[in-house]
Protein backbone atom coordinates (compact mmCIF):
# COMPACT_ATOMS: atom_id res chain seq x y z
CA MET A 1 88.89 -47.71 17.66
CA GLN A 2 87.10 -45.82 20.42
CA LYS A 3 83.34 -46.10 20.47
CA ASN A 4 80.84 -44.07 22.47
CA LYS A 5 83.53 -41.67 23.68
CA LYS A 6 82.45 -38.07 23.71
CA GLN A 7 84.72 -35.96 21.52
CA GLY A 8 85.69 -32.69 23.20
CA LYS A 9 86.63 -29.53 21.35
CA ARG A 10 90.34 -28.82 21.13
CA PHE A 11 89.90 -25.12 21.78
CA SER A 12 87.12 -22.64 22.39
CA PRO A 13 86.80 -19.94 19.72
CA LYS A 14 87.35 -16.23 20.37
CA LEU A 15 83.91 -14.76 20.91
CA LYS A 16 82.78 -11.34 19.80
CA ILE A 17 80.68 -10.85 22.94
CA LYS A 18 82.06 -10.58 26.47
CA LYS A 19 80.63 -10.25 29.98
CA GLY A 20 79.39 -6.70 30.61
CA ASP A 21 78.72 -5.90 26.92
CA ARG A 22 75.44 -4.27 25.88
CA VAL A 23 73.61 -6.39 23.30
CA VAL A 24 70.33 -6.57 21.37
CA VAL A 25 68.46 -9.83 20.74
CA ILE A 26 67.79 -10.09 16.99
CA ALA A 27 66.06 -13.49 16.89
CA GLY A 28 63.83 -15.43 19.25
CA ALA A 29 60.81 -14.50 21.34
CA TYR A 30 59.15 -11.24 20.27
CA LYS A 31 59.02 -9.91 23.84
CA ASP A 32 62.83 -10.16 24.16
CA ARG A 33 63.74 -8.45 20.88
CA GLU A 34 64.89 -4.90 20.16
CA ARG A 35 65.80 -3.96 23.74
CA VAL A 36 69.34 -3.17 24.88
CA ARG A 37 70.41 -5.52 27.69
CA GLU A 38 73.62 -6.38 29.51
CA VAL A 39 75.49 -9.71 29.28
CA LEU A 40 75.71 -11.40 32.71
CA GLU A 41 77.64 -14.58 31.88
CA VAL A 42 79.33 -16.18 28.86
CA PHE A 43 79.80 -19.91 28.11
CA PRO A 44 82.41 -20.04 25.30
CA GLU A 45 82.45 -23.83 24.92
CA LYS A 46 78.69 -23.86 24.23
CA GLN A 47 78.66 -20.46 22.44
CA ARG A 48 75.85 -19.29 24.70
CA VAL A 49 75.26 -16.19 26.82
CA ILE A 50 73.00 -15.27 29.76
CA ILE A 51 71.43 -11.81 29.39
CA GLU A 52 69.56 -9.88 32.08
CA ASP A 53 65.73 -10.25 31.96
CA THR A 54 65.81 -12.23 28.70
CA ASN A 55 64.60 -15.78 27.97
CA MET A 56 63.15 -16.14 31.47
CA VAL A 57 62.18 -19.66 32.55
CA LYS A 58 60.49 -20.92 35.71
CA LYS A 59 62.70 -23.01 37.99
CA HIS A 60 61.38 -25.11 40.88
CA ILE A 61 63.48 -24.72 44.03
CA ARG A 62 63.45 -27.50 46.63
CA PRO A 63 62.84 -26.25 50.19
CA THR A 64 65.76 -26.32 52.62
CA GLN A 65 66.25 -25.06 56.16
CA ASP A 66 67.43 -21.69 54.85
CA ASN A 67 65.15 -21.37 51.81
CA PRO A 68 61.37 -21.97 51.81
CA GLY A 69 61.51 -23.14 48.16
CA GLY A 70 58.92 -22.44 45.50
CA ILE A 71 59.01 -21.36 41.86
CA SER A 72 61.38 -18.62 40.74
CA GLU A 73 62.14 -17.13 37.34
CA VAL A 74 65.74 -17.25 36.11
CA PRO A 75 67.30 -16.24 32.77
CA ALA A 76 68.20 -19.13 30.43
CA PRO A 77 71.15 -19.04 27.98
CA VAL A 78 70.77 -17.64 24.45
CA HIS A 79 72.95 -18.61 21.47
CA ILE A 80 75.46 -15.96 20.39
CA SER A 81 74.20 -16.01 16.79
CA ASN A 82 70.92 -14.47 18.02
CA LEU A 83 72.66 -11.36 19.42
CA MET A 84 74.23 -8.18 18.09
CA LEU A 85 76.55 -5.91 20.01
CA VAL A 86 75.44 -2.29 20.52
CA ASP A 87 77.73 0.35 18.99
CA PRO A 88 79.20 2.48 21.82
CA LYS A 89 79.09 5.63 19.67
CA SER A 90 75.63 5.54 18.06
CA GLY A 91 73.76 3.04 20.28
CA GLU A 92 72.65 0.94 17.26
CA PRO A 93 73.29 -2.78 16.70
CA THR A 94 76.55 -3.43 14.85
CA ARG A 95 78.78 -6.24 13.65
CA VAL A 96 82.09 -6.76 15.41
CA GLY A 97 85.54 -7.07 13.85
CA ARG A 98 89.02 -7.77 15.21
CA LYS A 99 92.22 -5.94 14.36
CA LYS A 100 95.75 -5.87 15.71
CA GLU A 101 96.89 -2.85 17.67
CA GLY A 102 100.51 -3.39 18.58
CA GLU A 103 100.84 -6.85 20.10
CA GLU A 104 97.20 -7.42 21.07
CA SER A 105 94.00 -7.94 19.12
CA VAL A 106 91.10 -5.53 19.85
CA ARG A 107 87.41 -5.58 18.98
CA TYR A 108 85.98 -2.73 16.92
CA SER A 109 82.55 -1.70 15.67
CA LYS A 110 82.07 -2.22 11.92
CA LYS A 111 79.47 0.56 11.81
CA SER A 112 81.48 3.41 13.35
CA GLY A 113 85.00 1.94 13.48
CA GLU A 114 85.27 2.72 17.20
CA ILE A 115 87.22 0.35 19.46
CA ILE A 116 85.06 -1.62 21.93
CA LYS A 117 86.48 -1.88 25.44
């Protein structure tokens, strides 16, 4: 019997949002909602995403020989459940589905049916 051993996930799930996608924040701070932004980085194991100019937090930087230090603002991760992908055809938020095309699985917009690259 193993005690106090952190259990890791066996696999990371397929996410509906990828780096470079355009998304809309649907939950969270009012100032971040309803604007179309781009995904900068994705963390599949934590199901979190970093979006440009969203969820900004202040970070204290220690001074070094190259950097004078100070306080800078950086974007913090947002959970994927608080985001919706923007439909490439209409520009509105949409749900995402997966379907097989030949051998590979592709993402498509549930609103317009268009394939998302």
